């Protein structure tokens, strides 16, 4: 599995997410308060809500349109039995570049 450079960490305020276009897909990358990164598919499967704009805590993101909640590690939908979103391995390089695995995990 290879990592793709998709942006820079300083583009994402601490505690928020930003969407990046990667290989024709929208990926939401979140900069956690402890400095770690999380990456999920950026489109809520329920009604297409922008997950990068959702509220986050240490474990989940809430879709701003209808309140569906997704686990920031696995991408699983945690408020019901709906489909989850793709989760990606993501990290910051020493120079501040965001490196993301292209495959769903």
PDB file of N, CA and C in Angstrom:
ATOM      1  N   UNK A   1       0.849  -1.180   0.000  1.00  0.00           N
ATOM      2  CA  UNK A   1       0.000   0.000   0.000  1.00  0.00           C
ATOM      3  C   UNK A   1       0.892   1.239   0.000  1.00  0.00           C
ATOM      4  N   UNK A   2       0.607   2.164  -0.891  1.00  0.00           N
ATOM      5  CA  UNK A   2       1.397   3.393  -0.942  1.00  0.00           C
ATOM      6  C   UNK A   2       0.579   4.555  -0.417  1.00  0.00           C
ATOM      7  N   UNK A   3       1.274   5.541   0.106  1.00  0.00           N
ATOM      8  CA  UNK A   3       0.632   6.736   0.617  1.00  0.00           C
ATOM      9  C   UNK A   3       0.683   7.833  -0.431  1.00  0.00           C
ATOM     10  N   UNK A   4      -0.382   8.622  -0.501  1.00  0.00           N
ATOM     11  CA  UNK A   4      -0.434   9.764  -1.408  1.00  0.00           C
ATOM     12  C   UNK A   4      -0.409  11.044  -0.588  1.00  0.00           C
ATOM     13  N   UNK A   5       0.368  12.016  -1.015  1.00  0.00           N
ATOM     14  CA  UNK A   5       0.361  13.333  -0.372  1.00  0.00           C
ATOM     15  C   UNK A   5      -0.877  14.071  -0.872  1.00  0.00           C
ATOM     16  N   UNK A   6      -1.747  14.492   0.059  1.00  0.00           N
ATOM     17  CA  UNK A   6      -3.018  15.097  -0.345  1.00  0.00           C
ATOM     18  C   UNK A   6      -3.175  16.553   0.085  1.00  0.00           C
ATOM     19  N   UNK A   7      -2.304  17.045   0.925  1.00  0.00           N
ATOM     20  CA  UNK A   7      -2.403  18.421   1.403  1.00  0.00           C
ATOM     21  C   UNK A   7      -1.436  18.648   2.531  1.00  0.00           C
ATOM     22  N   UNK A   8      -1.671  19.717   3.271  1.00  0.00           N
ATOM     23  CA  UNK A   8      -0.790  20.068   4.385  1.00  0.00           C
ATOM     24  C   UNK A   8      -1.598  20.148   5.671  1.00  0.00           C
ATOM     25  N   UNK A   9      -0.982  19.718   6.754  1.00  0.00           N
ATOM     26  CA  UNK A   9      -1.645  19.727   8.060  1.00  0.00           C
ATOM     27  C   UNK A   9      -2.102  21.128   8.432  1.00  0.00           C
ATOM     28  N   UNK A  10      -1.295  22.152   8.117  1.00  0.00           N
ATOM     29  CA  UNK A  10      -1.665  23.510   8.532  1.00  0.00           C
ATOM     30  C   UNK A  10      -2.883  24.060   7.780  1.00  0.00           C
ATOM     31  N   UNK A  11      -3.426  23.318   6.812  1.00  0.00           N
ATOM     32  CA  UNK A  11      -4.670  23.703   6.138  1.00  0.00           C
ATOM     33  C   UNK A  11      -5.899  23.365   6.978  1.00  0.00           C
ATOM     34  N   UNK A  12      -5.708  22.557   8.023  1.00  0.00           N
ATOM     35  CA  UNK A  12      -6.827  22.091   8.846  1.00  0.00           C
ATOM     36  C   UNK A  12      -6.682  22.656  10.252  1.00  0.00           C
ATOM     37  N   UNK A  13      -7.612  23.505  10.703  1.00  0.00           N
ATOM     38  CA  UNK A  13      -7.547  23.988  12.081  1.00  0.00           C
ATOM     39  C   UNK A  13      -7.713  22.821  13.073  1.00  0.00           C
ATOM     40  N   UNK A  14      -7.067  22.920  14.213  1.00  0.00           N
ATOM     41  CA  UNK A  14      -7.174  21.897  15.250  1.00  0.00           C
ATOM     42  C   UNK A  14      -8.644  21.735  15.640  1.00  0.00           C
ATOM     43  N   UNK A  15      -9.105  20.493  15.704  1.00  0.00           N
ATOM     44  CA  UNK A  15     -10.472  20.184  16.087  1.00  0.00           C
ATOM     45  C   UNK A  15     -11.479  20.249  14.947  1.00  0.00           C
ATOM     46  N   UNK A  16     -10.998  20.426  13.714  1.00  0.00           N
ATOM     47  CA  UNK A  16     -11.899  20.524  12.565  1.00  0.00           C
ATOM     48  C   UNK A  16     -11.486  19.557  11.467  1.00  0.00           C
ATOM     49  N   UNK A  17     -12.311  19.504  10.419  1.00  0.00           N
ATOM     50  CA  UNK A  17     -12.027  18.673   9.257  1.00  0.00           C
ATOM     51  C   UNK A  17     -12.023  19.508   7.995  1.00  0.00           C
ATOM     52  N   UNK A  18     -11.387  18.997   6.965  1.00  0.00           N
ATOM     53  CA  UNK A  18     -11.380  19.623   5.642  1.00  0.00           C
ATOM     54  C   UNK A  18     -11.492  18.518   4.609  1.00  0.00           C
ATOM     55  N   UNK A  19     -12.157  18.814   3.504  1.00  0.00           N
ATOM     56  CA  UNK A  19     -12.306  17.847   2.425  1.00  0.00           C
ATOM     57  C   UNK A  19     -11.203  18.045   1.394  1.00  0.00           C
ATOM     58  N   UNK A  20     -10.685  16.929   0.899  1.00  0.00           N
ATOM     59  CA  UNK A  20      -9.670  16.913  -0.146  1.00  0.00           C
ATOM     60  C   UNK A  20     -10.151  15.986  -1.256  1.00  0.00           C
ATOM     61  N   UNK A  21      -9.914  16.360  -2.502  1.00  0.00           N
ATOM     62  CA  UNK A  21     -10.223  15.495  -3.633  1.00  0.00           C
ATOM     63  C   UNK A  21      -9.043  14.553  -3.854  1.00  0.00           C
ATOM     64  N   UNK A  22      -9.311  13.260  -3.797  1.00  0.00           N
ATOM     65  CA  UNK A  22      -8.265  12.248  -3.940  1.00  0.00           C
ATOM     66  C   UNK A  22      -8.759  11.169  -4.893  1.00  0.00           C
ATOM     67  N   UNK A  23      -8.099  11.031  -6.015  1.00  0.00           N
ATOM     68  CA  UNK A  23      -8.469  10.016  -7.015  1.00  0.00           C
ATOM     69  C   UNK A  23      -9.965  10.033  -7.333  1.00  0.00           C
ATOM     70  N   UNK A  24     -10.534  11.206  -7.517  1.00  0.00           N
ATOM     71  CA  UNK A  24     -11.930  11.331  -7.888  1.00  0.00           C
ATOM     72  C   UNK A  24     -12.923  11.201  -6.746  1.00  0.00           C
ATOM     73  N   UNK A  25     -12.449  11.066  -5.522  1.00  0.00           N
ATOM     74  CA  UNK A  25     -13.323  10.952  -4.352  1.00  0.00           C
ATOM     75  C   UNK A  25     -13.051  12.101  -3.395  1.00  0.00           C
ATOM     76  N   UNK A  26     -14.047  12.452  -2.619  1.00  0.00           N
ATOM     77  CA  UNK A  26     -13.888  13.443  -1.570  1.00  0.00           C
ATOM     78  C   UNK A  26     -13.540  12.721  -0.268  1.00  0.00           C
ATOM     79  N   UNK A  27     -12.437  13.123   0.351  1.00  0.00           N
ATOM     80  CA  UNK A  27     -11.978  12.534   1.606  1.00  0.00           C
ATOM     81  C   UNK A  27     -11.934  13.634   2.658  1.00  0.00           C
ATOM     82  N   UNK A  28     -12.547  13.374   3.809  1.00  0.00           N
ATOM     83  CA  UNK A  28     -12.506  14.311   4.932  1.00  0.00           C
ATOM     84  C   UNK A  28     -11.336  13.936   5.833  1.00  0.00           C
ATOM     85  N   UNK A  29     -10.460  14.895   6.087  1.00  0.00           N
ATOM     86  CA  UNK A  29      -9.337  14.682   7.003  1.00  0.00           C
ATOM     87  C   UNK A  29      -9.572  15.574   8.215  1.00  0.00           C
ATOM     88  N   UNK A  30      -9.481  14.979   9.390  1.00  0.00           N
ATOM     89  CA  UNK A  30      -9.721  15.678  10.648  1.00  0.00           C
ATOM     90  C   UNK A  30      -8.419  15.807  11.417  1.00  0.00           C
ATOM     91  N   UNK A  31      -8.178  16.983  11.952  1.00  0.00           N
ATOM     92  CA  UNK A  31      -6.997  17.234  12.796  1.00  0.00           C
ATOM     93  C   UNK A  31      -7.488  17.241  14.234  1.00  0.00           C
ATOM     94  N   UNK A  32      -7.156  16.192  14.947  1.00  0.00           N
ATOM     95  CA  UNK A  32      -7.641  16.015  16.304  1.00  0.00           C
ATOM     96  C   UNK A  32      -6.903  16.952  17.264  1.00  0.00           C
ATOM     97  N   UNK A  33      -7.493  17.170  18.408  1.00  0.00           N
ATOM     98  CA  UNK A  33      -6.901  18.083  19.397  1.00  0.00           C
ATOM     99  C   UNK A  33      -5.552  17.590  19.913  1.00  0.00           C
ATOM    100  N   UNK A  34      -5.319  16.266  19.850  1.00  0.00           N
ATOM    101  CA  UNK A  34      -4.018  15.737  20.290  1.00  0.00           C
ATOM    102  C   UNK A  34      -2.970  15.753  19.174  1.00  0.00           C
ATOM    103  N   UNK A  35      -3.331  16.296  17.990  1.00  0.00           N
ATOM    104  CA  UNK A  35      -2.402  16.410  16.885  1.00  0.00           C
ATOM    105  C   UNK A  35      -2.463  15.273  15.880  1.00  0.00           C
ATOM    106  N   UNK A  36      -3.171  14.193  16.202  1.00  0.00           N
ATOM    107  CA  UNK A  36      -3.291  13.090  15.256  1.00  0.00           C
ATOM    108  C   UNK A  36      -4.300  13.442  14.157  1.00  0.00           C
ATOM    109  N   UNK A  37      -4.278  12.645  13.103  1.00  0.00           N
ATOM    110  CA  UNK A  37      -5.184  12.845  11.975  1.00  0.00           C
ATOM    111  C   UNK A  37      -6.081  11.629  11.814  1.00  0.00           C
ATOM    112  N   UNK A  38      -7.282  11.855  11.272  1.00  0.00           N
ATOM    113  CA  UNK A  38      -8.219  10.800  10.903  1.00  0.00           C
ATOM    114  C   UNK A  38      -8.705  11.110   9.493  1.00  0.00           C
ATOM    115  N   UNK A  39      -9.040  10.083   8.709  1.00  0.00           N
ATOM    116  CA  UNK A  39      -9.538  10.299   7.345  1.00  0.00           C
ATOM    117  C   UNK A  39     -10.692   9.351   7.049  1.00  0.00           C
ATOM    118  N   UNK A  40     -11.789   9.934   6.566  1.00  0.00           N
ATOM    119  CA  UNK A  40     -12.989   9.183   6.188  1.00  0.00           C
ATOM    120  C   UNK A  40     -13.492   9.685   4.848  1.00  0.00           C
ATOM    121  N   UNK A  41     -14.319   8.866   4.193  1.00  0.00           N
ATOM    122  CA  UNK A  41     -15.041   9.362   3.032  1.00  0.00           C
ATOM    123  C   UNK A  41     -15.820  10.597   3.459  1.00  0.00           C
ATOM    124  N   UNK A  42     -15.823  11.642   2.639  1.00  0.00           N
ATOM    125  CA  UNK A  42     -16.376  12.936   3.044  1.00  0.00           C
ATOM    126  C   UNK A  42     -17.864  13.094   2.798  1.00  0.00           C
ATOM    127  N   UNK A  43     -18.506  12.102   2.184  1.00  0.00           N
ATOM    128  CA  UNK A  43     -19.913  12.230   1.834  1.00  0.00           C
ATOM    129  C   UNK A  43     -20.738  11.246   2.652  1.00  0.00           C
ATOM    130  N   UNK A  44     -21.671  11.776   3.431  1.00  0.00           N
ATOM    131  CA  UNK A  44     -22.550  10.933   4.242  1.00  0.00           C
ATOM    132  C   UNK A  44     -23.426  10.092   3.311  1.00  0.00           C
ATOM    133  N   UNK A  45     -23.452   8.762   3.492  1.00  0.00           N
ATOM    134  CA  UNK A  45     -24.257   7.920   2.617  1.00  0.00           C
ATOM    135  C   UNK A  45     -25.764   8.100   2.810  1.00  0.00           C
ATOM    136  N   UNK A  46     -26.176   8.719   3.888  1.00  0.00           N
ATOM    137  CA  UNK A  46     -27.605   8.911   4.151  1.00  0.00           C
ATOM    138  C   UNK A  46     -28.234   9.847   3.131  1.00  0.00           C
ATOM    139  N   UNK A  47     -27.714  11.083   3.017  1.00  0.00           N
ATOM    140  CA  UNK A  47     -28.256  12.048   2.065  1.00  0.00           C
ATOM    141  C   UNK A  47     -27.180  12.971   1.500  1.00  0.00           C
ATOM    142  N   UNK A  48     -25.935  12.507   1.496  1.00  0.00           N
ATOM    143  CA  UNK A  48     -24.867  13.270   0.859  1.00  0.00           C
ATOM    144  C   UNK A  48     -24.328  14.436   1.658  1.00  0.00           C
ATOM    145  N   UNK A  49     -24.544  14.445   2.960  1.00  0.00           N
ATOM    146  CA  UNK A  49     -24.059  15.534   3.802  1.00  0.00           C
ATOM    147  C   UNK A  49     -22.542  15.637   3.808  1.00  0.00           C
ATOM    148  N   UNK A  50     -22.013  16.852   4.028  1.00  0.00           N
ATOM    149  CA  UNK A  50     -20.565  17.086   4.019  1.00  0.00           C
ATOM    150  C   UNK A  50     -19.924  16.752   5.370  1.00  0.00           C
ATOM    151  N   UNK A  51     -19.402  15.549   5.507  1.00  0.00           N
ATOM    152  CA  UNK A  51     -18.849  15.115   6.795  1.00  0.00           C
ATOM    153  C   UNK A  51     -17.667  15.951   7.260  1.00  0.00           C
ATOM    154  N   UNK A  52     -16.930  16.575   6.355  1.00  0.00           N
ATOM    155  CA  UNK A  52     -15.807  17.423   6.768  1.00  0.00           C
ATOM    156  C   UNK A  52     -16.292  18.612   7.593  1.00  0.00           C
ATOM    157  N   UNK A  53     -17.558  19.005   7.425  1.00  0.00           N
ATOM    158  CA  UNK A  53     -18.132  20.126   8.168  1.00  0.00           C
ATOM    159  C   UNK A  53     -18.806  19.695   9.463  1.00  0.00           C
ATOM    160  N   UNK A  54     -18.794  18.391   9.762  1.00  0.00           N
ATOM    161  CA  UNK A  54     -19.475  17.882  10.949  1.00  0.00           C
ATOM    162  C   UNK A  54     -18.728  18.177  12.237  1.00  0.00           C
ATOM    163  N   UNK A  55     -19.476  18.122  13.332  1.00  0.00           N
ATOM    164  CA  UNK A  55     -18.882  18.277  14.659  1.00  0.00           C
ATOM    165  C   UNK A  55     -18.162  16.997  15.033  1.00  0.00           C
ATOM    166  N   UNK A  56     -16.974  17.143  15.633  1.00  0.00           N
ATOM    167  CA  UNK A  56     -16.191  15.976  16.033  1.00  0.00           C
ATOM    168  C   UNK A  56     -15.906  16.007  17.527  1.00  0.00           C
ATOM    169  N   UNK A  57     -15.667  14.807  18.050  1.00  0.00           N
ATOM    170  CA  UNK A  57     -15.074  14.669  19.371  1.00  0.00           C
ATOM    171  C   UNK A  57     -13.906  13.703  19.191  1.00  0.00           C
ATOM    172  N   UNK A  58     -13.422  13.096  20.234  1.00  0.00           N
ATOM    173  CA  UNK A  58     -12.267  12.210  20.116  1.00  0.00           C
ATOM    174  C   UNK A  58     -12.562  10.925  19.350  1.00  0.00           C
ATOM    175  N   UNK A  59     -13.854  10.572  19.199  1.00  0.00           N
ATOM    176  CA  UNK A  59     -14.201   9.277  18.629  1.00  0.00           C
ATOM    177  C   UNK A  59     -15.072   9.327  17.385  1.00  0.00           C
ATOM    178  N   UNK A  60     -15.826  10.415  17.171  1.00  0.00           N
ATOM    179  CA  UNK A  60     -16.798  10.395  16.091  1.00  0.00           C
ATOM    180  C   UNK A  60     -17.003  11.760  15.450  1.00  0.00           C
ATOM    181  N   UNK A  61     -17.672  11.719  14.287  1.00  0.00           N
ATOM    182  CA  UNK A  61     -18.085  12.928  13.581  1.00  0.00           C
ATOM    183  C   UNK A  61     -19.589  12.823  13.355  1.00  0.00           C
ATOM    184  N   UNK A  62     -20.287  13.957  13.505  1.00  0.00           N
ATOM    185  CA  UNK A  62     -21.731  14.017  13.314  1.00  0.00           C
ATOM    186  C   UNK A  62     -22.026  14.757  12.017  1.00  0.00           C
ATOM    187  N   UNK A  63     -22.781  14.113  11.129  1.00  0.00           N
ATOM    188  CA  UNK A  63     -23.150  14.750   9.873  1.00  0.00           C
ATOM    189  C   UNK A  63     -23.988  15.994  10.171  1.00  0.00           C
ATOM    190  N   UNK A  64     -23.638  17.135   9.572  1.00  0.00           N
ATOM    191  CA  UNK A  64     -24.354  18.369   9.877  1.00  0.00           C
ATOM    192  C   UNK A  64     -25.778  18.425   9.301  1.00  0.00           C
ATOM    193  N   UNK A  65     -26.133  17.538   8.396  1.00  0.00           N
ATOM    194  CA  UNK A  65     -27.476  17.595   7.808  1.00  0.00           C
ATOM    195  C   UNK A  65     -28.538  16.885   8.641  1.00  0.00           C
ATOM    196  N   UNK A  66     -28.271  15.627   9.020  1.00  0.00           N
ATOM    197  CA  UNK A  66     -29.316  14.859   9.690  1.00  0.00           C
ATOM    198  C   UNK A  66     -28.852  14.140  10.956  1.00  0.00           C
ATOM    199  N   UNK A  67     -27.639  14.441  11.429  1.00  0.00           N
ATOM    200  CA  UNK A  67     -27.199  13.926  12.721  1.00  0.00           C
ATOM    201  C   UNK A  67     -26.694  12.506  12.749  1.00  0.00           C
ATOM    202  N   UNK A  68     -26.489  11.882  11.604  1.00  0.00           N
ATOM    203  CA  UNK A  68     -25.897  10.544  11.637  1.00  0.00           C
ATOM    204  C   UNK A  68     -24.464  10.656  12.144  1.00  0.00           C
ATOM    205  N   UNK A  69     -24.030   9.675  12.923  1.00  0.00           N
ATOM    206  CA  UNK A  69     -22.709   9.726  13.549  1.00  0.00           C
ATOM    207  C   UNK A  69     -21.838   8.578  13.042  1.00  0.00           C
ATOM    208  N   UNK A  70     -20.569   8.898  12.761  1.00  0.00           N
ATOM    209  CA  UNK A  70     -19.630   7.927  12.218  1.00  0.00           C
ATOM    210  C   UNK A  70     -18.376   7.868  13.070  1.00  0.00           C
ATOM    211  N   UNK A  71     -17.907   6.640  13.311  1.00  0.00           N
ATOM    212  CA  UNK A  71     -16.681   6.411  14.066  1.00  0.00           C
ATOM    213  C   UNK A  71     -15.489   6.917  13.259  1.00  0.00           C
ATOM    214  N   UNK A  72     -14.622   7.715  13.881  1.00  0.00           N
ATOM    215  CA  UNK A  72     -13.482   8.304  13.184  1.00  0.00           C
ATOM    216  C   UNK A  72     -12.359   7.318  12.878  1.00  0.00           C
ATOM    217  N   UNK A  73     -12.383   6.146  13.482  1.00  0.00           N
ATOM    218  CA  UNK A  73     -11.359   5.133  13.204  1.00  0.00           C
ATOM    219  C   UNK A  73     -11.852   4.155  12.137  1.00  0.00           C
ATOM    220  N   UNK A  74     -13.030   3.587  12.343  1.00  0.00           N
ATOM    221  CA  UNK A  74     -13.525   2.538  11.448  1.00  0.00           C
ATOM    222  C   UNK A  74     -14.425   3.051  10.329  1.00  0.00           C
ATOM    223  N   UNK A  75     -15.036   4.211  10.502  1.00  0.00           N
ATOM    224  CA  UNK A  75     -16.000   4.721   9.535  1.00  0.00           C
ATOM    225  C   UNK A  75     -17.395   4.158   9.729  1.00  0.00           C
ATOM    226  N   UNK A  76     -17.591   3.286  10.725  1.00  0.00           N
ATOM    227  CA  UNK A  76     -18.896   2.667  10.972  1.00  0.00           C
ATOM    228  C   UNK A  76     -19.907   3.715  11.429  1.00  0.00           C
ATOM    229  N   UNK A  77     -21.159   3.564  10.978  1.00  0.00           N
ATOM    230  CA  UNK A  77     -22.234   4.441  11.426  1.00  0.00           C
ATOM    231  C   UNK A  77     -22.653   3.965  12.806  1.00  0.00           C
ATOM    232  N   UNK A  78     -22.651   4.861  13.789  1.00  0.00           N
ATOM    233  CA  UNK A  78     -22.856   4.455  15.179  1.00  0.00           C
ATOM    234  C   UNK A  78     -24.222   4.819  15.743  1.00  0.00           C
ATOM    235  N   UNK A  79     -25.087   5.477  14.975  1.00  0.00           N
ATOM    236  CA  UNK A  79     -26.395   5.885  15.487  1.00  0.00           C
ATOM    237  C   UNK A  79     -27.528   5.023  14.949  1.00  0.00           C
ATOM    238  N   UNK A  80     -27.211   3.955  14.271  1.00  0.00           N
ATOM    239  CA  UNK A  80     -28.242   3.079  13.715  1.00  0.00           C
ATOM    240  C   UNK A  80     -27.602   1.965  12.933  1.00  0.00           C
ATOM    241  N   UNK A  81     -28.339   1.460  11.981  1.00  0.00           N
ATOM    242  CA  UNK A  81     -27.824   0.328  11.209  1.00  0.00           C
ATOM    243  C   UNK A  81     -27.508   0.717   9.767  1.00  0.00           C
ATOM    244  N   UNK A  82     -27.312   1.997   9.524  1.00  0.00           N
ATOM    245  CA  UNK A  82     -27.009   2.458   8.172  1.00  0.00           C
ATOM    246  C   UNK A  82     -25.605   2.109   7.752  1.00  0.00           C
ATOM    247  N   UNK A  83     -25.307   2.316   6.470  1.00  0.00           N
ATOM    248  CA  UNK A  83     -23.957   2.023   5.981  1.00  0.00           C
ATOM    249  C   UNK A  83     -22.938   3.002   6.549  1.00  0.00           C
ATOM    250  N   UNK A  84     -21.722   2.528   6.660  1.00  0.00           N
ATOM    251  CA  UNK A  84     -20.638   3.383   7.109  1.00  0.00           C
ATOM    252  C   UNK A  84     -19.963   4.058   5.924  1.00  0.00           C
ATOM    253  N   UNK A  85     -18.861   4.714   6.214  1.00  0.00           N
ATOM    254  CA  UNK A  85     -18.050   5.355   5.183  1.00  0.00           C
ATOM    255  C   UNK A  85     -16.658   4.737   5.214  1.00  0.00           C
ATOM    256  N   UNK A  86     -15.941   4.887   4.136  1.00  0.00           N
ATOM    257  CA  UNK A  86     -14.598   4.347   4.037  1.00  0.00           C
ATOM    258  C   UNK A  86     -13.661   5.075   5.004  1.00  0.00           C
ATOM    259  N   UNK A  87     -12.829   4.321   5.677  1.00  0.00           N
ATOM    260  CA  UNK A  87     -11.811   4.870   6.572  1.00  0.00           C
ATOM    261  C   UNK A  87     -10.443   4.646   5.926  1.00  0.00           C
ATOM    262  N   UNK A  88      -9.557   5.620   6.059  1.00  0.00           N
ATOM    263  CA  UNK A  88      -8.231   5.529   5.453  1.00  0.00           C
ATOM    264  C   UNK A  88      -7.153   5.739   6.514  1.00  0.00           C
ATOM    265  N   UNK A  89      -6.037   5.038   6.341  1.00  0.00           N
ATOM    266  CA  UNK A  89      -4.864   5.308   7.166  1.00  0.00           C
ATOM    267  C   UNK A  89      -4.325   6.678   6.751  1.00  0.00           C
ATOM    268  N   UNK A  90      -3.978   7.505   7.727  1.00  0.00           N
ATOM    269  CA  UNK A  90      -3.497   8.849   7.435  1.00  0.00           C
ATOM    270  C   UNK A  90      -2.474   9.255   8.480  1.00  0.00           C
ATOM    271  N   UNK A  91      -1.489  10.040   8.041  1.00  0.00           N
ATOM    272  CA  UNK A  91      -0.459  10.520   8.971  1.00  0.00           C
ATOM    273  C   UNK A  91       0.143  11.795   8.409  1.00  0.00           C
ATOM    274  N   UNK A  92       0.855  12.502   9.260  1.00  0.00           N
ATOM    275  CA  UNK A  92       1.584  13.695   8.830  1.00  0.00           C
ATOM    276  C   UNK A  92       3.055  13.349   8.681  1.00  0.00           C
ATOM    277  N   UNK A  93       3.654  13.797   7.596  1.00  0.00           N
ATOM    278  CA  UNK A  93       5.079  13.636   7.368  1.00  0.00           C
ATOM    279  C   UNK A  93       5.819  14.697   8.194  1.00  0.00           C
ATOM    280  N   UNK A  94       7.116  14.552   8.317  1.00  0.00           N
ATOM    281  CA  UNK A  94       7.918  15.501   9.096  1.00  0.00           C
ATOM    282  C   UNK A  94       7.817  16.929   8.571  1.00  0.00           C
ATOM    283  N   UNK A  95       7.567  17.099   7.274  1.00  0.00           N
ATOM    284  CA  UNK A  95       7.472  18.448   6.701  1.00  0.00           C
ATOM    285  C   UNK A  95       6.056  19.031   6.757  1.00  0.00           C
ATOM    286  N   UNK A  96       5.107  18.292   7.367  1.00  0.00           N
ATOM    287  CA  UNK A  96       3.741  18.785   7.491  1.00  0.00           C
ATOM    288  C   UNK A  96       2.803  18.345   6.392  1.00  0.00           C
ATOM    289  N   UNK A  97       3.286  17.502   5.470  1.00  0.00           N
ATOM    290  CA  UNK A  97       2.417  16.962   4.423  1.00  0.00           C
ATOM    291  C   UNK A  97       1.504  15.888   5.003  1.00  0.00           C
ATOM    292  N   UNK A  98       0.267  15.845   4.523  1.00  0.00           N
ATOM    293  CA  UNK A  98      -0.673  14.795   4.913  1.00  0.00           C
ATOM    294  C   UNK A  98      -0.490  13.638   3.947  1.00  0.00           C
ATOM    295  N   UNK A  99      -0.186  12.460   4.479  1.00  0.00           N
ATOM    296  CA  UNK A  99      -0.013  11.254   3.685  1.00  0.00           C
ATOM    297  C   UNK A  99      -1.137  10.286   4.017  1.00  0.00           C
ATOM    298  N   UNK A 100      -1.845   9.829   2.991  1.00  0.00           N
ATOM    299  CA  UNK A 100      -3.016   8.990   3.190  1.00  0.00           C
ATOM    300  C   UNK A 100      -2.911   7.731   2.357  1.00  0.00           C
ATOM    301  N   UNK A 101      -3.285   6.606   2.944  1.00  0.00           N
ATOM    302  CA  UNK A 101      -3.409   5.355   2.205  1.00  0.00           C
ATOM    303  C   UNK A 101      -4.652   5.418   1.327  1.00  0.00           C
ATOM    304  N   UNK A 102      -4.537   5.025   0.082  1.00  0.00           N
ATOM    305  CA  UNK A 102      -5.650   5.146  -0.849  1.00  0.00           C
ATOM    306  C   UNK A 102      -6.700   4.051  -0.674  1.00  0.00           C
ATOM    307  N   UNK A 103      -6.329   2.951  -0.053  1.00  0.00           N
ATOM    308  CA  UNK A 103      -7.260   1.844   0.109  1.00  0.00           C
ATOM    309  C   UNK A 103      -8.102   2.003   1.364  1.00  0.00           C
ATOM    310  N   UNK A 104      -9.363   1.574   1.259  1.00  0.00           N
ATOM    311  CA  UNK A 104     -10.244   1.533   2.445  1.00  0.00           C
ATOM    312  C   UNK A 104      -9.683   0.524   3.424  1.00  0.00           C
ATOM    313  N   UNK A 105      -9.836   0.831   4.697  1.00  0.00           N
ATOM    314  CA  UNK A 105      -9.422  -0.184   5.675  1.00  0.00           C
ATOM    315  C   UNK A 105     -10.605  -0.632   6.480  1.00  0.00           C
TER     316      UNK A 105
END
